[in-house]
Every structure is written in structure tokens, then in C-alpha cells.
Amino acid sequence: MRYVDGFVVPVPKKNLQAYRRMAQKAGKIWKEHGALEYIECIGDDVKPGKLTSFPQSVKLKPDEIVVFSWIVYKSRAQRDRINKKVMADPRLASMMDPKSVPFDSKRMFYGGFKTLVEL
């Protein structure tokens, strides 16, 4: 079954176009190295919850929007091989400097997921 890396990122609304440009470049790199899909979505219906929510998970500020993203691979083994290549790619390194990314990387969270149901 396929394997997915998921990400949630707080992005200042004023930086959304810069984030989009960065994500498009990053997505091309992941796809060049073999990822099956690369998806980036901006929050549209993500209200704060009573206990937890997307906005609460990243301590969303009023001038920010939540971005929910995922990358799909054939398997965990393929993901590990692809990510090793992507992380060594100088194009990605130049984009992902924490001082220059258009979001607060300290409040981003991510993880790898095994597929449970795939229809």
C-alpha cells in the first residue's frame, strides 16, 4: 500500500504567493525524484475547535492561514529513498533555509503515515 508524508504549516497571508512559488518548486523536485503526488491546500473551513483543531495545532495567528499538505509514495521504502535524494538536492536546500522560508517553520508539524484504507 502507498505511504504518505503529511504536513501542517502556518503561513502569513501576505506570504501566500511566495509560499505557493516555493511549494511549486519543491513539488517538482519531489516528483522528479519519484513521488507519485504532491498536494498543497490552504484552509477554507478550518474553525478553531473546543479541544483541538488545525488552527490550534499551529498556534495560528489572525494574519495567517493553515496549509495542509501531503506527498504520496508507492511505499515507505520508496519514500525513504526519495527523501534521501530530495534532501541532498541543492535546489531544495537553497529554498528551505529557516531564515528565508515564507512561514514559521518552528510551528510546522509533519509525519509519515501507512495507508489504512485506499479506495
N, C-alpha and C. Protein backbone atom coordinates (compact mmCIF):
# COMPACT_ATOMS: atom_id res chain seq x y z
N MET A 1 0.83 -1.19 0.00
CA MET A 1 0.00 0.00 0.00
C MET A 1 0.88 1.25 0.00
N ARG A 2 0.29 2.33 -0.47
CA ARG A 2 1.04 3.58 -0.58
C ARG A 2 1.38 4.16 0.79
N TYR A 3 2.34 5.07 0.79
CA TYR A 3 2.82 5.73 2.01
C TYR A 3 2.67 7.23 1.81
N VAL A 4 2.33 7.96 2.89
CA VAL A 4 2.08 9.39 2.79
C VAL A 4 2.85 10.16 3.85
N ASP A 5 3.51 11.24 3.44
CA ASP A 5 4.05 12.22 4.38
C ASP A 5 3.04 13.36 4.43
N GLY A 6 2.64 13.77 5.65
CA GLY A 6 1.68 14.85 5.81
C GLY A 6 2.30 16.01 6.57
N PHE A 7 1.87 17.23 6.24
CA PHE A 7 2.41 18.45 6.83
C PHE A 7 1.28 19.44 7.14
N VAL A 8 1.42 20.18 8.22
CA VAL A 8 0.53 21.30 8.54
C VAL A 8 1.43 22.49 8.86
N VAL A 9 1.18 23.62 8.18
CA VAL A 9 2.06 24.78 8.24
C VAL A 9 1.25 26.06 8.41
N PRO A 10 1.64 26.96 9.33
CA PRO A 10 1.01 28.28 9.40
C PRO A 10 1.74 29.23 8.46
N VAL A 11 1.01 29.85 7.54
CA VAL A 11 1.63 30.75 6.57
C VAL A 11 0.99 32.13 6.69
N PRO A 12 1.80 33.18 6.88
CA PRO A 12 1.23 34.53 6.87
C PRO A 12 0.52 34.79 5.53
N LYS A 13 -0.68 35.35 5.60
CA LYS A 13 -1.44 35.60 4.37
C LYS A 13 -0.64 36.44 3.38
N LYS A 14 0.14 37.38 3.88
CA LYS A 14 0.94 38.23 2.98
C LYS A 14 2.03 37.44 2.26
N ASN A 15 2.37 36.25 2.76
CA ASN A 15 3.42 35.42 2.16
C ASN A 15 2.87 34.27 1.33
N LEU A 16 1.56 34.24 1.13
CA LEU A 16 0.95 33.09 0.47
C LEU A 16 1.47 32.88 -0.95
N GLN A 17 1.66 33.93 -1.72
CA GLN A 17 2.18 33.77 -3.08
C GLN A 17 3.63 33.27 -3.07
N ALA A 18 4.42 33.78 -2.14
CA ALA A 18 5.81 33.30 -2.01
C ALA A 18 5.81 31.83 -1.60
N TYR A 19 4.89 31.45 -0.70
CA TYR A 19 4.79 30.05 -0.29
C TYR A 19 4.39 29.19 -1.50
N ARG A 20 3.43 29.66 -2.28
CA ARG A 20 2.99 28.91 -3.46
C ARG A 20 4.16 28.68 -4.42
N ARG A 21 4.95 29.72 -4.67
CA ARG A 21 6.11 29.57 -5.56
C ARG A 21 7.10 28.55 -5.01
N MET A 22 7.38 28.63 -3.70
CA MET A 22 8.29 27.68 -3.07
C MET A 22 7.73 26.25 -3.17
N ALA A 23 6.43 26.08 -2.89
CA ALA A 23 5.80 24.76 -2.93
C ALA A 23 5.81 24.18 -4.35
N GLN A 24 5.58 25.02 -5.34
CA GLN A 24 5.62 24.52 -6.72
C GLN A 24 7.01 24.01 -7.08
N LYS A 25 8.04 24.74 -6.68
CA LYS A 25 9.42 24.30 -6.94
C LYS A 25 9.73 23.02 -6.17
N ALA A 26 9.35 22.98 -4.89
CA ALA A 26 9.61 21.80 -4.07
C ALA A 26 8.87 20.59 -4.63
N GLY A 27 7.61 20.79 -5.01
CA GLY A 27 6.82 19.69 -5.57
C GLY A 27 7.46 19.10 -6.82
N LYS A 28 7.99 19.96 -7.68
CA LYS A 28 8.67 19.47 -8.88
C LYS A 28 9.88 18.62 -8.52
N ILE A 29 10.60 19.03 -7.48
CA ILE A 29 11.77 18.26 -7.05
C ILE A 29 11.34 16.89 -6.53
N TRP A 30 10.32 16.86 -5.68
CA TRP A 30 9.85 15.57 -5.16
C TRP A 30 9.37 14.67 -6.30
N LYS A 31 8.63 15.23 -7.23
CA LYS A 31 8.12 14.43 -8.35
C LYS A 31 9.28 13.94 -9.24
N GLU A 32 10.27 14.78 -9.49
CA GLU A 32 11.43 14.36 -10.29
C GLU A 32 12.13 13.17 -9.66
N HIS A 33 12.13 13.12 -8.33
CA HIS A 33 12.82 12.03 -7.63
C HIS A 33 11.91 10.82 -7.40
N GLY A 34 10.63 10.89 -7.85
CA GLY A 34 9.79 9.70 -7.83
C GLY A 34 8.51 9.74 -7.02
N ALA A 35 8.21 10.84 -6.33
CA ALA A 35 6.94 10.90 -5.59
C ALA A 35 5.78 10.78 -6.57
N LEU A 36 4.72 10.12 -6.14
CA LEU A 36 3.55 9.93 -7.01
C LEU A 36 2.67 11.18 -7.05
N GLU A 37 2.50 11.83 -5.90
CA GLU A 37 1.66 13.03 -5.81
C GLU A 37 2.29 14.01 -4.84
N TYR A 38 2.05 15.28 -5.08
CA TYR A 38 2.49 16.35 -4.18
C TYR A 38 1.35 17.35 -4.14
N ILE A 39 0.70 17.49 -2.98
CA ILE A 39 -0.50 18.32 -2.85
C ILE A 39 -0.31 19.34 -1.73
N GLU A 40 -0.68 20.60 -2.00
CA GLU A 40 -0.65 21.68 -1.00
C GLU A 40 -2.03 22.33 -1.02
N CYS A 41 -2.68 22.45 0.14
CA CYS A 41 -4.02 23.02 0.24
C CYS A 41 -4.05 24.11 1.30
N ILE A 42 -4.81 25.18 1.03
CA ILE A 42 -4.96 26.24 2.04
C ILE A 42 -6.30 26.07 2.74
N GLY A 43 -6.30 26.42 4.03
CA GLY A 43 -7.51 26.29 4.83
C GLY A 43 -8.66 27.10 4.27
N ASP A 44 -9.83 26.48 4.25
CA ASP A 44 -11.05 27.13 3.76
C ASP A 44 -12.15 27.03 4.81
N ASP A 45 -12.22 25.90 5.50
CA ASP A 45 -13.23 25.66 6.52
C ASP A 45 -12.54 24.99 7.70
N VAL A 46 -11.70 25.74 8.41
CA VAL A 46 -10.89 25.19 9.50
C VAL A 46 -11.05 26.05 10.76
N LYS A 47 -12.23 25.99 11.33
CA LYS A 47 -12.52 26.79 12.52
C LYS A 47 -11.79 26.25 13.74
N PRO A 48 -11.46 27.14 14.68
CA PRO A 48 -10.87 26.66 15.94
C PRO A 48 -11.84 25.72 16.66
N GLY A 49 -11.32 24.69 17.27
CA GLY A 49 -12.16 23.75 17.99
C GLY A 49 -12.20 24.05 19.47
N LYS A 50 -12.95 23.23 20.21
CA LYS A 50 -13.00 23.39 21.66
C LYS A 50 -11.80 22.73 22.32
N LEU A 51 -11.36 21.61 21.78
CA LEU A 51 -10.21 20.90 22.35
C LEU A 51 -8.99 20.98 21.46
N THR A 52 -9.18 20.77 20.14
CA THR A 52 -8.06 20.85 19.20
C THR A 52 -8.60 21.13 17.80
N SER A 53 -7.74 21.59 16.94
CA SER A 53 -8.12 21.89 15.56
C SER A 53 -6.85 22.22 14.77
N PHE A 54 -6.99 22.37 13.48
CA PHE A 54 -5.83 22.78 12.67
C PHE A 54 -5.29 24.14 13.14
N PRO A 55 -6.15 25.17 13.33
CA PRO A 55 -5.61 26.45 13.81
C PRO A 55 -4.89 26.34 15.15
N GLN A 56 -5.46 25.58 16.07
CA GLN A 56 -4.83 25.44 17.38
C GLN A 56 -3.52 24.66 17.30
N SER A 57 -3.46 23.70 16.40
CA SER A 57 -2.27 22.84 16.32
C SER A 57 -1.01 23.62 15.94
N VAL A 58 -1.17 24.72 15.20
CA VAL A 58 -0.02 25.52 14.79
C VAL A 58 -0.01 26.90 15.46
N LYS A 59 -0.88 27.07 16.47
CA LYS A 59 -1.00 28.37 17.16
C LYS A 59 -1.18 29.50 16.14
N LEU A 60 -2.19 29.30 15.27
CA LEU A 60 -2.45 30.21 14.17
C LEU A 60 -2.73 31.63 14.66
N LYS A 61 -2.09 32.58 14.02
CA LYS A 61 -2.27 34.00 14.33
C LYS A 61 -3.34 34.56 13.39
N PRO A 62 -3.97 35.69 13.75
CA PRO A 62 -5.05 36.25 12.91
C PRO A 62 -4.65 36.55 11.47
N ASP A 63 -3.39 36.86 11.23
CA ASP A 63 -2.95 37.22 9.88
C ASP A 63 -2.36 36.02 9.12
N GLU A 64 -2.64 34.79 9.58
CA GLU A 64 -2.10 33.58 8.95
C GLU A 64 -3.21 32.68 8.44
N ILE A 65 -2.81 31.75 7.59
CA ILE A 65 -3.71 30.73 7.07
C ILE A 65 -3.03 29.36 7.24
N VAL A 66 -3.82 28.33 7.47
CA VAL A 66 -3.29 26.98 7.63
C VAL A 66 -3.10 26.35 6.25
N VAL A 67 -1.94 25.74 6.05
CA VAL A 67 -1.68 24.97 4.84
C VAL A 67 -1.55 23.50 5.25
N PHE A 68 -2.30 22.65 4.57
CA PHE A 68 -2.30 21.21 4.82
C PHE A 68 -1.77 20.55 3.54
N SER A 69 -0.71 19.76 3.68
CA SER A 69 -0.01 19.22 2.51
C SER A 69 0.29 17.75 2.69
N TRP A 70 0.45 17.06 1.56
CA TRP A 70 0.89 15.68 1.63
C TRP A 70 1.61 15.28 0.36
N ILE A 71 2.48 14.29 0.54
CA ILE A 71 3.24 13.71 -0.57
C ILE A 71 2.97 12.21 -0.53
N VAL A 72 2.66 11.64 -1.70
CA VAL A 72 2.32 10.22 -1.79
C VAL A 72 3.44 9.45 -2.48
N TYR A 73 3.75 8.28 -1.92
CA TYR A 73 4.79 7.40 -2.44
C TYR A 73 4.22 6.00 -2.63
N LYS A 74 4.91 5.15 -3.39
CA LYS A 74 4.48 3.76 -3.56
C LYS A 74 4.58 2.97 -2.27
N SER A 75 5.59 3.29 -1.44
CA SER A 75 5.84 2.52 -0.22
C SER A 75 6.72 3.34 0.72
N ARG A 76 6.86 2.86 1.94
CA ARG A 76 7.75 3.51 2.91
C ARG A 76 9.20 3.44 2.41
N ALA A 77 9.58 2.30 1.86
CA ALA A 77 10.96 2.15 1.35
C ALA A 77 11.22 3.15 0.23
N GLN A 78 10.25 3.31 -0.67
CA GLN A 78 10.42 4.28 -1.75
C GLN A 78 10.49 5.70 -1.18
N ARG A 79 9.66 5.99 -0.21
CA ARG A 79 9.67 7.32 0.43
C ARG A 79 11.04 7.61 1.02
N ASP A 80 11.61 6.63 1.72
CA ASP A 80 12.92 6.83 2.33
C ASP A 80 14.00 7.10 1.27
N ARG A 81 13.95 6.36 0.16
CA ARG A 81 14.92 6.57 -0.93
C ARG A 81 14.73 7.95 -1.57
N ILE A 82 13.48 8.31 -1.84
CA ILE A 82 13.19 9.60 -2.47
C ILE A 82 13.59 10.75 -1.56
N ASN A 83 13.22 10.68 -0.29
CA ASN A 83 13.54 11.78 0.62
C ASN A 83 15.05 11.95 0.80
N LYS A 84 15.78 10.87 0.75
CA LYS A 84 17.25 10.98 0.84
C LYS A 84 17.78 11.77 -0.35
N LYS A 85 17.25 11.48 -1.55
CA LYS A 85 17.66 12.21 -2.75
C LYS A 85 17.21 13.67 -2.70
N VAL A 86 15.97 13.89 -2.26
CA VAL A 86 15.43 15.25 -2.19
C VAL A 86 16.24 16.09 -1.21
N MET A 87 16.54 15.55 -0.05
CA MET A 87 17.28 16.30 0.97
C MET A 87 18.71 16.61 0.52
N ALA A 88 19.26 15.80 -0.40
CA ALA A 88 20.60 16.06 -0.93
C ALA A 88 20.56 16.98 -2.14
N ASP A 89 19.38 17.28 -2.65
CA ASP A 89 19.25 18.12 -3.84
C ASP A 89 19.53 19.58 -3.48
N PRO A 90 20.53 20.20 -4.08
CA PRO A 90 20.88 21.58 -3.72
C PRO A 90 19.76 22.58 -4.00
N ARG A 91 18.87 22.27 -4.93
CA ARG A 91 17.75 23.19 -5.20
C ARG A 91 16.84 23.30 -3.99
N LEU A 92 16.61 22.20 -3.29
CA LEU A 92 15.74 22.23 -2.11
C LEU A 92 16.45 22.92 -0.95
N ALA A 93 17.72 22.61 -0.76
CA ALA A 93 18.48 23.22 0.34
C ALA A 93 18.45 24.73 0.25
N SER A 94 18.55 25.27 -0.96
CA SER A 94 18.56 26.73 -1.10
C SER A 94 17.20 27.34 -0.79
N MET A 95 16.12 26.57 -0.97
CA MET A 95 14.76 27.08 -0.69
C MET A 95 14.37 26.95 0.78
N MET A 96 14.93 25.98 1.48
CA MET A 96 14.43 25.63 2.81
C MET A 96 15.24 26.20 3.97
N ASP A 97 16.05 27.19 3.73
CA ASP A 97 16.77 27.85 4.81
C ASP A 97 15.74 28.45 5.77
N PRO A 98 15.73 28.05 7.05
CA PRO A 98 14.73 28.55 8.00
C PRO A 98 14.65 30.07 8.09
N LYS A 99 15.72 30.76 7.74
CA LYS A 99 15.72 32.22 7.79
C LYS A 99 14.99 32.85 6.61
N SER A 100 14.81 32.09 5.53
CA SER A 100 14.22 32.68 4.33
C SER A 100 12.89 32.06 3.90
N VAL A 101 12.44 30.98 4.54
CA VAL A 101 11.15 30.39 4.14
C VAL A 101 10.01 31.35 4.50
N PRO A 102 8.93 31.36 3.71
CA PRO A 102 7.84 32.31 3.95
C PRO A 102 6.82 31.84 5.00
N PHE A 103 7.28 31.11 6.02
CA PHE A 103 6.40 30.64 7.09
C PHE A 103 7.25 30.39 8.33
N ASP A 104 6.58 30.18 9.47
CA ASP A 104 7.28 29.91 10.73
C ASP A 104 7.51 28.40 10.84
N SER A 105 8.69 27.96 10.47
CA SER A 105 8.99 26.52 10.45
C SER A 105 8.96 25.89 11.84
N LYS A 106 9.08 26.68 12.90
CA LYS A 106 9.03 26.13 14.26
C LYS A 106 7.64 25.64 14.62
N ARG A 107 6.61 26.17 13.95
CA ARG A 107 5.24 25.76 14.25
C ARG A 107 4.68 24.77 13.23
N MET A 108 5.50 24.37 12.27
CA MET A 108 5.10 23.35 11.31
C MET A 108 5.19 21.98 11.98
N PHE A 109 4.27 21.08 11.61
CA PHE A 109 4.45 19.70 12.06
C PHE A 109 4.18 18.76 10.90
N TYR A 110 4.76 17.56 10.99
CA TYR A 110 4.68 16.61 9.89
C TYR A 110 4.89 15.20 10.41
N GLY A 111 4.58 14.23 9.57
CA GLY A 111 4.81 12.84 9.93
C GLY A 111 4.56 11.93 8.73
N GLY A 112 5.01 10.70 8.85
CA GLY A 112 4.81 9.68 7.83
C GLY A 112 3.70 8.73 8.24
N PHE A 113 2.88 8.32 7.26
CA PHE A 113 1.69 7.53 7.55
C PHE A 113 1.57 6.32 6.62
N LYS A 114 1.29 5.17 7.21
CA LYS A 114 0.94 3.97 6.45
C LYS A 114 -0.51 4.11 6.01
N THR A 115 -0.83 3.60 4.82
CA THR A 115 -2.20 3.63 4.34
C THR A 115 -3.03 2.60 5.10
N LEU A 116 -4.18 3.01 5.59
CA LEU A 116 -5.09 2.11 6.28
C LEU A 116 -6.22 1.67 5.35
N VAL A 117 -6.79 2.62 4.63
CA VAL A 117 -7.86 2.34 3.65
C VAL A 117 -7.53 3.10 2.39
N GLU A 118 -7.64 2.43 1.25
CA GLU A 118 -7.40 3.08 -0.04
C GLU A 118 -8.45 2.56 -1.00
N LEU A 119 -9.34 3.43 -1.44
CA LEU A 119 -10.43 3.02 -2.33
C LEU A 119 -10.26 3.60 -3.72
